[in-house]
Amino acid sequence: MISTAKSPSDEDSHAERTHAVAARANGRGGGITRELDAEQLRMVLECIAGKADVLTKLLNAVERGTAEEEDEHLMLSAAGLLACSIGGLADDASGGNCLGDYTRWEYGPLFAMRKTEP
């Protein structure tokens, strides 16, 4: 019988390759995770799960249809804001290795690149 299970070293090398690709795409290296303790990580994950639950409910409401087109537009806008917040929380907790830190998610890529005038 041939085993199809991956060894821990296979998973580690895949994670390392994924991190390296993300770091190159962002033009930076660094650690793959922030230094969060178990309680901080639990808090981040609870926040992500709560927002994902609200996002799911919003999208289900849009799918069912609403009486007003304006209501649907507002719900889709709220869904976009929640998705941005979820991405920012997750990416920031991982050290900003996907798209960037929470500020990048909230304000966009040009915000961090702008120089402040004295």
PDB file of N, CA and C in Angstrom:
ATOM      1  N   MET A   1       0.836  -1.166   0.000  1.00  0.00           N
ATOM      2  CA  MET A   1       0.000   0.000   0.000  1.00  0.00           C
ATOM      3  C   MET A   1       0.893   1.245   0.000  1.00  0.00           C
ATOM      4  N   ILE A   2       0.522   2.247  -0.812  1.00  0.00           N
ATOM      5  CA  ILE A   2       1.290   3.487  -0.917  1.00  0.00           C
ATOM      6  C   ILE A   2       0.629   4.543  -0.043  1.00  0.00           C
ATOM      7  N   SER A   3       1.437   5.172   0.774  1.00  0.00           N
ATOM      8  CA  SER A   3       0.927   6.211   1.656  1.00  0.00           C
ATOM      9  C   SER A   3       0.902   7.541   0.920  1.00  0.00           C
ATOM     10  N   THR A   4      -0.235   8.252   1.047  1.00  0.00           N
ATOM     11  CA  THR A   4      -0.348   9.574   0.434  1.00  0.00           C
ATOM     12  C   THR A   4      -0.233  10.689   1.463  1.00  0.00           C
ATOM     13  N   ALA A   5      -0.018  10.325   2.713  1.00  0.00           N
ATOM     14  CA  ALA A   5       0.104  11.340   3.766  1.00  0.00           C
ATOM     15  C   ALA A   5       1.408  12.104   3.604  1.00  0.00           C
ATOM     16  N   LYS A   6       1.337  13.385   3.843  1.00  0.00           N
ATOM     17  CA  LYS A   6       2.529  14.221   3.768  1.00  0.00           C
ATOM     18  C   LYS A   6       3.263  14.163   5.089  1.00  0.00           C
ATOM     19  N   SER A   7       4.553  14.164   5.003  1.00  0.00           N
ATOM     20  CA  SER A   7       5.345  14.202   6.220  1.00  0.00           C
ATOM     21  C   SER A   7       5.407  15.637   6.711  1.00  0.00           C
ATOM     22  N   PRO A   8       5.680  15.841   8.018  1.00  0.00           N
ATOM     23  CA  PRO A   8       5.807  17.209   8.528  1.00  0.00           C
ATOM     24  C   PRO A   8       6.823  18.038   7.764  1.00  0.00           C
ATOM     25  N   SER A   9       7.893  17.400   7.296  1.00  0.00           N
ATOM     26  CA  SER A   9       8.910  18.165   6.576  1.00  0.00           C
ATOM     27  C   SER A   9       8.377  18.667   5.236  1.00  0.00           C
ATOM     28  N   ASP A  10       7.487  17.876   4.572  1.00  0.00           N
ATOM     29  CA  ASP A  10       6.861  18.333   3.335  1.00  0.00           C
ATOM     30  C   ASP A  10       6.007  19.568   3.590  1.00  0.00           C
ATOM     31  N   GLU A  11       5.223  19.531   4.683  1.00  0.00           N
ATOM     32  CA  GLU A  11       4.366  20.664   5.016  1.00  0.00           C
ATOM     33  C   GLU A  11       5.201  21.882   5.381  1.00  0.00           C
ATOM     34  N   ASP A  12       6.282  21.674   6.134  1.00  0.00           N
ATOM     35  CA  ASP A  12       7.152  22.785   6.502  1.00  0.00           C
ATOM     36  C   ASP A  12       7.758  23.430   5.265  1.00  0.00           C
ATOM     37  N   SER A  13       8.236  22.622   4.319  1.00  0.00           N
ATOM     38  CA  SER A  13       8.865  23.193   3.137  1.00  0.00           C
ATOM     39  C   SER A  13       7.831  23.934   2.287  1.00  0.00           C
ATOM     40  N   HIS A  14       6.590  23.422   2.240  1.00  0.00           N
ATOM     41  CA  HIS A  14       5.542  24.125   1.512  1.00  0.00           C
ATOM     42  C   HIS A  14       5.262  25.481   2.168  1.00  0.00           C
ATOM     43  N   ALA A  15       5.167  25.501   3.495  1.00  0.00           N
ATOM     44  CA  ALA A  15       4.916  26.754   4.217  1.00  0.00           C
ATOM     45  C   ALA A  15       6.059  27.737   3.983  1.00  0.00           C
ATOM     46  N   GLU A  16       7.287  27.241   3.994  1.00  0.00           N
ATOM     47  CA  GLU A  16       8.435  28.108   3.766  1.00  0.00           C
ATOM     48  C   GLU A  16       8.411  28.684   2.351  1.00  0.00           C
ATOM     49  N   ARG A  17       8.057  27.852   1.364  1.00  0.00           N
ATOM     50  CA  ARG A  17       7.978  28.335  -0.014  1.00  0.00           C
ATOM     51  C   ARG A  17       6.871  29.378  -0.153  1.00  0.00           C
ATOM     52  N   THR A  18       5.720  29.122   0.470  1.00  0.00           N
ATOM     53  CA  THR A  18       4.606  30.063   0.410  1.00  0.00           C
ATOM     54  C   THR A  18       5.002  31.391   1.029  1.00  0.00           C
ATOM     55  N   HIS A  19       5.677  31.341   2.174  1.00  0.00           N
ATOM     56  CA  HIS A  19       6.123  32.569   2.832  1.00  0.00           C
ATOM     57  C   HIS A  19       7.131  33.309   1.962  1.00  0.00           C
ATOM     58  N   ALA A  20       8.045  32.587   1.355  1.00  0.00           N
ATOM     59  CA  ALA A  20       9.064  33.218   0.514  1.00  0.00           C
ATOM     60  C   ALA A  20       8.422  33.916  -0.679  1.00  0.00           C
ATOM     61  N   VAL A  21       7.414  33.296  -1.284  1.00  0.00           N
ATOM     62  CA  VAL A  21       6.716  33.913  -2.412  1.00  0.00           C
ATOM     63  C   VAL A  21       6.007  35.173  -1.957  1.00  0.00           C
ATOM     64  N   ALA A  22       5.323  35.103  -0.808  1.00  0.00           N
ATOM     65  CA  ALA A  22       4.617  36.273  -0.285  1.00  0.00           C
ATOM     66  C   ALA A  22       5.589  37.401   0.045  1.00  0.00           C
ATOM     67  N   ALA A  23       6.713  37.065   0.633  1.00  0.00           N
ATOM     68  CA  ALA A  23       7.699  38.077   0.996  1.00  0.00           C
ATOM     69  C   ALA A  23       8.270  38.740  -0.251  1.00  0.00           C
ATOM     70  N   ARG A  24       8.562  37.942  -1.289  1.00  0.00           N
ATOM     71  CA  ARG A  24       9.077  38.522  -2.532  1.00  0.00           C
ATOM     72  C   ARG A  24       8.035  39.417  -3.182  1.00  0.00           C
ATOM     73  N   ALA A  25       6.770  38.998  -3.150  1.00  0.00           N
ATOM     74  CA  ALA A  25       5.702  39.788  -3.761  1.00  0.00           C
ATOM     75  C   ALA A  25       5.549  41.126  -3.058  1.00  0.00           C
ATOM     76  N   ASN A  26       5.809  41.156  -1.775  1.00  0.00           N
ATOM     77  CA  ASN A  26       5.686  42.387  -1.011  1.00  0.00           C
ATOM     78  C   ASN A  26       6.985  43.170  -0.959  1.00  0.00           C
ATOM     79  N   GLY A  27       8.056  42.607  -1.495  1.00  0.00           N
ATOM     80  CA  GLY A  27       9.339  43.286  -1.470  1.00  0.00           C
ATOM     81  C   GLY A  27       9.958  43.338  -0.093  1.00  0.00           C
ATOM     82  N   ARG A  28       9.574  42.408   0.767  1.00  0.00           N
ATOM     83  CA  ARG A  28      10.157  42.387   2.107  1.00  0.00           C
ATOM     84  C   ARG A  28      10.206  40.957   2.608  1.00  0.00           C
ATOM     85  N   GLY A  29      11.080  40.734   3.520  1.00  0.00           N
ATOM     86  CA  GLY A  29      11.180  39.426   4.138  1.00  0.00           C
ATOM     87  C   GLY A  29      10.634  39.505   5.540  1.00  0.00           C
ATOM     88  N   GLY A  30      11.282  38.854   6.448  1.00  0.00           N
ATOM     89  CA  GLY A  30      10.860  38.942   7.837  1.00  0.00           C
ATOM     90  C   GLY A  30      10.158  37.699   8.291  1.00  0.00           C
ATOM     91  N   GLY A  31       9.802  37.704   9.564  1.00  0.00           N
ATOM     92  CA  GLY A  31       9.138  36.559  10.146  1.00  0.00           C
ATOM     93  C   GLY A  31       7.750  36.360   9.588  1.00  0.00           C
ATOM     94  N   ILE A  32       7.298  35.126   9.631  1.00  0.00           N
ATOM     95  CA  ILE A  32       5.991  34.824   9.067  1.00  0.00           C
ATOM     96  C   ILE A  32       4.865  35.187  10.031  1.00  0.00           C
ATOM     97  N   THR A  33       5.140  35.287  11.316  1.00  0.00           N
ATOM     98  CA  THR A  33       4.084  35.644  12.260  1.00  0.00           C
ATOM     99  C   THR A  33       4.568  36.723  13.200  1.00  0.00           C
ATOM    100  N   ARG A  34       3.622  37.453  13.733  1.00  0.00           N
ATOM    101  CA  ARG A  34       3.921  38.405  14.790  1.00  0.00           C
ATOM    102  C   ARG A  34       4.127  37.626  16.061  1.00  0.00           C
ATOM    103  N   GLU A  35       4.673  38.282  17.037  1.00  0.00           N
ATOM    104  CA  GLU A  35       4.842  37.664  18.344  1.00  0.00           C
ATOM    105  C   GLU A  35       3.563  37.877  19.154  1.00  0.00           C
ATOM    106  N   LEU A  36       2.578  37.022  18.934  1.00  0.00           N
ATOM    107  CA  LEU A  36       1.335  37.068  19.681  1.00  0.00           C
ATOM    108  C   LEU A  36       1.329  35.925  20.671  1.00  0.00           C
ATOM    109  N   ASP A  37       0.854  36.196  21.882  1.00  0.00           N
ATOM    110  CA  ASP A  37       0.710  35.088  22.817  1.00  0.00           C
ATOM    111  C   ASP A  37      -0.601  34.370  22.499  1.00  0.00           C
ATOM    112  N   ALA A  38      -0.843  33.258  23.159  1.00  0.00           N
ATOM    113  CA  ALA A  38      -2.012  32.432  22.863  1.00  0.00           C
ATOM    114  C   ALA A  38      -3.313  33.207  23.061  1.00  0.00           C
ATOM    115  N   GLU A  39      -3.392  34.027  24.077  1.00  0.00           N
ATOM    116  CA  GLU A  39      -4.611  34.796  24.348  1.00  0.00           C
ATOM    117  C   GLU A  39      -4.841  35.853  23.265  1.00  0.00           C
ATOM    118  N   GLN A  40      -3.782  36.526  22.827  1.00  0.00           N
ATOM    119  CA  GLN A  40      -3.914  37.511  21.759  1.00  0.00           C
ATOM    120  C   GLN A  40      -4.369  36.845  20.464  1.00  0.00           C
ATOM    121  N   LEU A  41      -3.779  35.704  20.151  1.00  0.00           N
ATOM    122  CA  LEU A  41      -4.162  34.983  18.945  1.00  0.00           C
ATOM    123  C   LEU A  41      -5.617  34.546  19.024  1.00  0.00           C
ATOM    124  N   ARG A  42      -6.043  34.068  20.189  1.00  0.00           N
ATOM    125  CA  ARG A  42      -7.438  33.671  20.374  1.00  0.00           C
ATOM    126  C   ARG A  42      -8.358  34.864  20.126  1.00  0.00           C
ATOM    127  N   MET A  43      -7.981  36.035  20.630  1.00  0.00           N
ATOM    128  CA  MET A  43      -8.791  37.234  20.451  1.00  0.00           C
ATOM    129  C   MET A  43      -8.889  37.626  18.974  1.00  0.00           C
ATOM    130  N   VAL A  44      -7.783  37.552  18.251  1.00  0.00           N
ATOM    131  CA  VAL A  44      -7.782  37.871  16.826  1.00  0.00           C
ATOM    132  C   VAL A  44      -8.694  36.900  16.080  1.00  0.00           C
ATOM    133  N   LEU A  45      -8.555  35.605  16.366  1.00  0.00           N
ATOM    134  CA  LEU A  45      -9.358  34.602  15.672  1.00  0.00           C
ATOM    135  C   LEU A  45     -10.842  34.739  16.001  1.00  0.00           C
ATOM    136  N   GLU A  46     -11.177  35.080  17.245  1.00  0.00           N
ATOM    137  CA  GLU A  46     -12.578  35.300  17.605  1.00  0.00           C
ATOM    138  C   GLU A  46     -13.150  36.487  16.839  1.00  0.00           C
ATOM    139  N   CYS A  47     -12.375  37.540  16.713  1.00  0.00           N
ATOM    140  CA  CYS A  47     -12.811  38.728  15.980  1.00  0.00           C
ATOM    141  C   CYS A  47     -13.026  38.390  14.502  1.00  0.00           C
ATOM    142  N   ILE A  48     -12.103  37.658  13.930  1.00  0.00           N
ATOM    143  CA  ILE A  48     -12.231  37.243  12.531  1.00  0.00           C
ATOM    144  C   ILE A  48     -13.473  36.384  12.349  1.00  0.00           C
ATOM    145  N   ALA A  49     -13.687  35.415  13.235  1.00  0.00           N
ATOM    146  CA  ALA A  49     -14.846  34.527  13.128  1.00  0.00           C
ATOM    147  C   ALA A  49     -16.149  35.307  13.278  1.00  0.00           C
ATOM    148  N   GLY A  50     -16.199  36.246  14.204  1.00  0.00           N
ATOM    149  CA  GLY A  50     -17.407  37.039  14.390  1.00  0.00           C
ATOM    150  C   GLY A  50     -17.734  37.874  13.164  1.00  0.00           C
ATOM    151  N   LYS A  51     -16.714  38.501  12.590  1.00  0.00           N
ATOM    152  CA  LYS A  51     -16.935  39.320  11.398  1.00  0.00           C
ATOM    153  C   LYS A  51     -17.291  38.456  10.192  1.00  0.00           C
ATOM    154  N   ALA A  52     -16.694  37.284  10.092  1.00  0.00           N
ATOM    155  CA  ALA A  52     -17.034  36.369   8.999  1.00  0.00           C
ATOM    156  C   ALA A  52     -18.487  35.908   9.118  1.00  0.00           C
ATOM    157  N   ASP A  53     -18.963  35.699  10.339  1.00  0.00           N
ATOM    158  CA  ASP A  53     -20.354  35.309  10.558  1.00  0.00           C
ATOM    159  C   ASP A  53     -21.304  36.420  10.102  1.00  0.00           C
ATOM    160  N   VAL A  54     -21.000  37.660  10.462  1.00  0.00           N
ATOM    161  CA  VAL A  54     -21.831  38.791  10.031  1.00  0.00           C
ATOM    162  C   VAL A  54     -21.787  38.919   8.511  1.00  0.00           C
ATOM    163  N   LEU A  55     -20.605  38.753   7.925  1.00  0.00           N
ATOM    164  CA  LEU A  55     -20.455  38.824   6.470  1.00  0.00           C
ATOM    165  C   LEU A  55     -21.314  37.771   5.785  1.00  0.00           C
ATOM    166  N   THR A  56     -21.302  36.551   6.304  1.00  0.00           N
ATOM    167  CA  THR A  56     -22.117  35.473   5.745  1.00  0.00           C
ATOM    168  C   THR A  56     -23.598  35.827   5.805  1.00  0.00           C
ATOM    169  N   LYS A  57     -24.045  36.354   6.936  1.00  0.00           N
ATOM    170  CA  LYS A  57     -25.454  36.738   7.082  1.00  0.00           C
ATOM    171  C   LYS A  57     -25.826  37.855   6.111  1.00  0.00           C
ATOM    172  N   LEU A  58     -24.941  38.823   5.951  1.00  0.00           N
ATOM    173  CA  LEU A  58     -25.200  39.906   5.000  1.00  0.00           C
ATOM    174  C   LEU A  58     -25.325  39.385   3.573  1.00  0.00           C
ATOM    175  N   LEU A  59     -24.400  38.544   3.181  1.00  0.00           N
ATOM    176  CA  LEU A  59     -24.429  38.019   1.818  1.00  0.00           C
ATOM    177  C   LEU A  59     -25.638  37.120   1.589  1.00  0.00           C
ATOM    178  N   ASN A  60     -26.041  36.362   2.596  1.00  0.00           N
ATOM    179  CA  ASN A  60     -27.254  35.549   2.484  1.00  0.00           C
ATOM    180  C   ASN A  60     -28.485  36.432   2.323  1.00  0.00           C
ATOM    181  N   ALA A  61     -28.537  37.552   3.034  1.00  0.00           N
ATOM    182  CA  ALA A  61     -29.658  38.484   2.907  1.00  0.00           C
ATOM    183  C   ALA A  61     -29.714  39.079   1.500  1.00  0.00           C
ATOM    184  N   VAL A  62     -28.553  39.423   0.941  1.00  0.00           N
ATOM    185  CA  VAL A  62     -28.503  39.957  -0.422  1.00  0.00           C
ATOM    186  C   VAL A  62     -28.972  38.885  -1.398  1.00  0.00           C
ATOM    187  N   GLU A  63     -28.531  37.659  -1.196  1.00  0.00           N
ATOM    188  CA  GLU A  63     -28.915  36.562  -2.086  1.00  0.00           C
ATOM    189  C   GLU A  63     -30.427  36.327  -2.068  1.00  0.00           C
ATOM    190  N   ARG A  64     -31.040  36.446  -0.891  1.00  0.00           N
ATOM    191  CA  ARG A  64     -32.492  36.270  -0.780  1.00  0.00           C
ATOM    192  C   ARG A  64     -33.248  37.395  -1.466  1.00  0.00           C
ATOM    193  N   GLY A  65     -32.606  38.545  -1.572  1.00  0.00           N
ATOM    194  CA  GLY A  65     -33.223  39.705  -2.199  1.00  0.00           C
ATOM    195  C   GLY A  65     -33.812  40.640  -1.161  1.00  0.00           C
ATOM    196  N   THR A  66     -33.802  41.905  -1.481  1.00  0.00           N
ATOM    197  CA  THR A  66     -34.371  42.913  -0.600  1.00  0.00           C
ATOM    198  C   THR A  66     -35.390  43.723  -1.390  1.00  0.00           C
ATOM    199  N   ALA A  67     -36.233  44.451  -0.681  1.00  0.00           N
ATOM    200  CA  ALA A  67     -37.264  45.254  -1.329  1.00  0.00           C
ATOM    201  C   ALA A  67     -36.667  46.490  -2.000  1.00  0.00           C
ATOM    202  N   GLU A  68     -35.617  47.003  -1.441  1.00  0.00           N
ATOM    203  CA  GLU A  68     -35.035  48.249  -1.944  1.00  0.00           C
ATOM    204  C   GLU A  68     -33.641  48.027  -2.523  1.00  0.00           C
ATOM    205  N   GLU A  69     -33.393  48.588  -3.693  1.00  0.00           N
ATOM    206  CA  GLU A  69     -32.070  48.490  -4.304  1.00  0.00           C
ATOM    207  C   GLU A  69     -31.021  49.195  -3.447  1.00  0.00           C
ATOM    208  N   GLU A  70     -31.407  50.286  -2.818  1.00  0.00           N
ATOM    209  CA  GLU A  70     -30.485  51.028  -1.958  1.00  0.00           C
ATOM    210  C   GLU A  70     -30.042  50.176  -0.777  1.00  0.00           C
ATOM    211  N   ASP A  71     -30.953  49.396  -0.196  1.00  0.00           N
ATOM    212  CA  ASP A  71     -30.600  48.503   0.905  1.00  0.00           C
ATOM    213  C   ASP A  71     -29.579  47.466   0.454  1.00  0.00           C
ATOM    214  N   GLU A  72     -29.785  46.924  -0.729  1.00  0.00           N
ATOM    215  CA  GLU A  72     -28.853  45.930  -1.255  1.00  0.00           C
ATOM    216  C   GLU A  72     -27.470  46.534  -1.460  1.00  0.00           C
ATOM    217  N   HIS A  73     -27.420  47.745  -1.985  1.00  0.00           N
ATOM    218  CA  HIS A  73     -26.135  48.426  -2.182  1.00  0.00           C
ATOM    219  C   HIS A  73     -25.429  48.641  -0.845  1.00  0.00           C
ATOM    220  N   LEU A  74     -26.173  49.073   0.166  1.00  0.00           N
ATOM    221  CA  LEU A  74     -25.587  49.276   1.491  1.00  0.00           C
ATOM    222  C   LEU A  74     -25.065  47.972   2.076  1.00  0.00           C
ATOM    223  N   MET A  75     -25.824  46.885   1.899  1.00  0.00           N
ATOM    224  CA  MET A  75     -25.384  45.597   2.433  1.00  0.00           C
ATOM    225  C   MET A  75     -24.131  45.107   1.719  1.00  0.00           C
ATOM    226  N   LEU A  76     -24.049  45.307   0.417  1.00  0.00           N
ATOM    227  CA  LEU A  76     -22.844  44.902  -0.313  1.00  0.00           C
ATOM    228  C   LEU A  76     -21.649  45.755   0.098  1.00  0.00           C
ATOM    229  N   SER A  77     -21.879  47.049   0.344  1.00  0.00           N
ATOM    230  CA  SER A  77     -20.794  47.910   0.819  1.00  0.00           C
ATOM    231  C   SER A  77     -20.316  47.455   2.193  1.00  0.00           C
ATOM    232  N   ALA A  78     -21.263  47.120   3.067  1.00  0.00           N
ATOM    233  CA  ALA A  78     -20.908  46.625   4.400  1.00  0.00           C
ATOM    234  C   ALA A  78     -20.144  45.313   4.298  1.00  0.00           C
ATOM    235  N   ALA A  79     -20.532  44.450   3.366  1.00  0.00           N
ATOM    236  CA  ALA A  79     -19.827  43.180   3.173  1.00  0.00           C
ATOM    237  C   ALA A  79     -18.384  43.437   2.751  1.00  0.00           C
ATOM    238  N   GLY A  80     -18.179  44.412   1.864  1.00  0.00           N
ATOM    239  CA  GLY A  80     -16.827  44.756   1.443  1.00  0.00           C
ATOM    240  C   GLY A  80     -15.986  45.279   2.594  1.00  0.00           C
ATOM    241  N   LEU A  81     -16.591  46.097   3.438  1.00  0.00           N
ATOM    242  CA  LEU A  81     -15.868  46.618   4.604  1.00  0.00           C
ATOM    243  C   LEU A  81     -15.496  45.500   5.567  1.00  0.00           C
ATOM    244  N   LEU A  82     -16.421  44.570   5.781  1.00  0.00           N
ATOM    245  CA  LEU A  82     -16.129  43.439   6.665  1.00  0.00           C
ATOM    246  C   LEU A  82     -15.014  42.569   6.093  1.00  0.00           C
ATOM    247  N   ALA A  83     -15.068  42.310   4.790  1.00  0.00           N
ATOM    248  CA  ALA A  83     -14.019  41.498   4.160  1.00  0.00           C
ATOM    249  C   ALA A  83     -12.654  42.166   4.309  1.00  0.00           C
ATOM    250  N   CYS A  84     -12.609  43.476   4.130  1.00  0.00           N
ATOM    251  CA  CYS A  84     -11.360  44.232   4.298  1.00  0.00           C
ATOM    252  C   CYS A  84     -10.862  44.125   5.736  1.00  0.00           C
ATOM    253  N   SER A  85     -11.760  44.255   6.684  1.00  0.00           N
ATOM    254  CA  SER A  85     -11.388  44.167   8.094  1.00  0.00           C
ATOM    255  C   SER A  85     -10.870  42.777   8.442  1.00  0.00           C
ATOM    256  N   ILE A  86     -11.543  41.744   7.945  1.00  0.00           N
ATOM    257  CA  ILE A  86     -11.109  40.361   8.193  1.00  0.00           C
ATOM    258  C   ILE A  86      -9.718  40.138   7.608  1.00  0.00           C
ATOM    259  N   GLY A  87      -9.511  40.566   6.378  1.00  0.00           N
ATOM    260  CA  GLY A  87      -8.196  40.428   5.751  1.00  0.00           C
ATOM    261  C   GLY A  87      -7.120  41.169   6.518  1.00  0.00           C
ATOM    262  N   GLY A  88      -7.431  42.378   6.947  1.00  0.00           N
ATOM    263  CA  GLY A  88      -6.472  43.174   7.712  1.00  0.00           C
ATOM    264  C   GLY A  88      -6.108  42.536   9.036  1.00  0.00           C
ATOM    265  N   LEU A  89      -7.116  42.024   9.740  1.00  0.00           N
ATOM    266  CA  LEU A  89      -6.850  41.356  11.021  1.00  0.00           C
ATOM    267  C   LEU A  89      -5.952  40.136  10.833  1.00  0.00           C
ATOM    268  N   ALA A  90      -6.317  39.294   9.880  1.00  0.00           N
ATOM    269  CA  ALA A  90      -5.550  38.060   9.650  1.00  0.00           C
ATOM    270  C   ALA A  90      -4.138  38.364   9.161  1.00  0.00           C
ATOM    271  N   ASP A  91      -4.019  39.285   8.212  1.00  0.00           N
ATOM    272  CA  ASP A  91      -2.707  39.605   7.648  1.00  0.00           C
ATOM    273  C   ASP A  91      -1.820  40.280   8.686  1.00  0.00           C
ATOM    274  N   ASP A  92      -2.385  41.186   9.472  1.00  0.00           N
ATOM    275  CA  ASP A  92      -1.612  41.870  10.504  1.00  0.00           C
ATOM    276  C   ASP A  92      -1.127  40.884  11.562  1.00  0.00           C
ATOM    277  N   ALA A  93      -1.987  39.947  11.957  1.00  0.00           N
ATOM    278  CA  ALA A  93      -1.602  38.951  12.966  1.00  0.00           C
ATOM    279  C   ALA A  93      -0.500  38.029  12.457  1.00  0.00           C
ATOM    280  N   SER A  94      -0.438  37.840  11.133  1.00  0.00           N
ATOM    281  CA  SER A  94       0.599  36.968  10.571  1.00  0.00           C
ATOM    282  C   SER A  94       1.870  37.725  10.239  1.00  0.00           C
ATOM    283  N   GLY A  95       1.923  38.990  10.584  1.00  0.00           N
ATOM    284  CA  GLY A  95       3.115  39.787  10.315  1.00  0.00           C
ATOM    285  C   GLY A  95       3.026  40.591   9.034  1.00  0.00           C
ATOM    286  N   GLY A  96       1.853  40.654   8.433  1.00  0.00           N
ATOM    287  CA  GLY A  96       1.673  41.438   7.214  1.00  0.00           C
ATOM    288  C   GLY A  96       2.307  40.808   6.001  1.00  0.00           C
ATOM    289  N   ASN A  97       2.356  39.485   5.955  1.00  0.00           N
ATOM    290  CA  ASN A  97       3.067  38.804   4.875  1.00  0.00           C
ATOM    291  C   ASN A  97       2.235  38.537   3.633  1.00  0.00           C
ATOM    292  N   CYS A  98       0.950  38.849   3.653  1.00  0.00           N
ATOM    293  CA  CYS A  98       0.122  38.624   2.470  1.00  0.00           C
ATOM    294  C   CYS A  98       0.044  39.907   1.640  1.00  0.00           C
ATOM    295  N   LEU A  99      -0.690  40.893   2.135  1.00  0.00           N
ATOM    296  CA  LEU A  99      -0.768  42.185   1.442  1.00  0.00           C
ATOM    297  C   LEU A  99      -0.148  43.314   2.245  1.00  0.00           C
ATOM    298  N   GLY A 100      -0.054  43.159   3.538  1.00  0.00           N
ATOM    299  CA  GLY A 100       0.514  44.199   4.376  1.00  0.00           C
ATOM    300  C   GLY A 100      -0.173  44.239   5.726  1.00  0.00           C
ATOM    301  N   ASP A 101       0.182  45.215   6.529  1.00  0.00           N
ATOM    302  CA  ASP A 101      -0.407  45.298   7.858  1.00  0.00           C
ATOM    303  C   ASP A 101      -1.829  45.854   7.787  1.00  0.00           C
ATOM    304  N   TYR A 102      -2.436  46.038   8.958  1.00  0.00           N
ATOM    305  CA  TYR A 102      -3.817  46.488   9.025  1.00  0.00           C
ATOM    306  C   TYR A 102      -3.995  47.857   8.357  1.00  0.00           C
ATOM    307  N   THR A 103      -3.021  48.737   8.515  1.00  0.00           N
ATOM    308  CA  THR A 103      -3.094  50.061   7.893  1.00  0.00           C
ATOM    309  C   THR A 103      -3.161  49.941   6.382  1.00  0.00           C
ATOM    310  N   ARG A 104      -2.401  49.057   5.793  1.00  0.00           N
ATOM    311  CA  ARG A 104      -2.402  48.857   4.343  1.00  0.00           C
ATOM    312  C   ARG A 104      -3.780  48.389   3.887  1.00  0.00           C
ATOM    313  N   TRP A 105      -4.397  47.476   4.641  1.00  0.00           N
ATOM    314  CA  TRP A 105      -5.729  46.980   4.290  1.00  0.00           C
ATOM    315  C   TRP A 105      -6.772  48.090   4.386  1.00  0.00           C
ATOM    316  N   GLU A 106      -6.691  48.906   5.419  1.00  0.00           N
ATOM    317  CA  GLU A 106      -7.716  49.935   5.639  1.00  0.00           C
ATOM    318  C   GLU A 106      -7.548  51.136   4.714  1.00  0.00           C
ATOM    319  N   TYR A 107      -6.323  51.577   4.464  1.00  0.00           N
ATOM    320  CA  TYR A 107      -6.090  52.801   3.706  1.00  0.00           C
ATOM    321  C   TYR A 107      -5.590  52.567   2.288  1.00  0.00           C
ATOM    322  N   GLY A 108      -5.186  51.353   1.981  1.00  0.00           N
ATOM    323  CA  GLY A 108      -4.702  51.055   0.643  1.00  0.00           C
ATOM    324  C   GLY A 108      -3.194  51.167   0.532  1.00  0.00           C
ATOM    325  N   PRO A 109      -2.638  50.688  -0.585  1.00  0.00           N
ATOM    326  CA  PRO A 109      -1.181  50.618  -0.740  1.00  0.00           C
ATOM    327  C   PRO A 109      -0.506  51.980  -0.878  1.00  0.00           C
ATOM    328  N   LEU A 110      -1.202  52.966  -1.359  1.00  0.00           N
ATOM    329  CA  LEU A 110      -0.573  54.272  -1.570  1.00  0.00           C
ATOM    330  C   LEU A 110      -0.388  55.049  -0.274  1.00  0.00           C
ATOM    331  N   PHE A 111      -1.176  54.739   0.756  1.00  0.00           N
ATOM    332  CA  PHE A 111      -1.112  55.464   2.010  1.00  0.00           C
ATOM    333  C   PHE A 111       0.286  55.385   2.630  1.00  0.00           C
ATOM    334  N   ALA A 112       0.845  54.188   2.706  1.00  0.00           N
ATOM    335  CA  ALA A 112       2.167  54.003   3.326  1.00  0.00           C
ATOM    336  C   ALA A 112       3.282  54.576   2.470  1.00  0.00           C
ATOM    337  N   MET A 113       3.055  54.670   1.158  1.00  0.00           N
ATOM    338  CA  MET A 113       4.100  55.166   0.271  1.00  0.00           C
ATOM    339  C   MET A 113       4.214  56.676   0.266  1.00  0.00           C
ATOM    340  N   ARG A 114       3.168  57.364   0.685  1.00  0.00           N
ATOM    341  CA  ARG A 114       3.189  58.840   0.672  1.00  0.00           C
ATOM    342  C   ARG A 114       4.147  59.364   1.726  1.00  0.00           C
ATOM    343  N   LYS A 115       4.930  60.319   1.343  1.00  0.00           N
ATOM    344  CA  LYS A 115       5.845  60.987   2.268  1.00  0.00           C
ATOM    345  C   LYS A 115       5.102  62.156   2.901  1.00  0.00           C
ATOM    346  N   THR A 116       5.297  62.330   4.182  1.00  0.00           N
ATOM    347  CA  THR A 116       4.678  63.478   4.841  1.00  0.00           C
ATOM    348  C   THR A 116       5.585  64.687   4.681  1.00  0.00           C
ATOM    349  N   GLU A 117       4.963  65.798   4.375  1.00  0.00           N
ATOM    350  CA  GLU A 117       5.710  67.045   4.210  1.00  0.00           C
ATOM    351  C   GLU A 117       5.929  67.686   5.586  1.00  0.00           C
ATOM    352  N   PRO A 118       7.159  68.181   5.882  1.00  0.00           N
ATOM    353  CA  PRO A 118       7.397  68.824   7.170  1.00  0.00           C
ATOM    354  C   PRO A 118       6.710  70.170   7.275  1.00  0.00           C
TER     355      PRO A 118
END
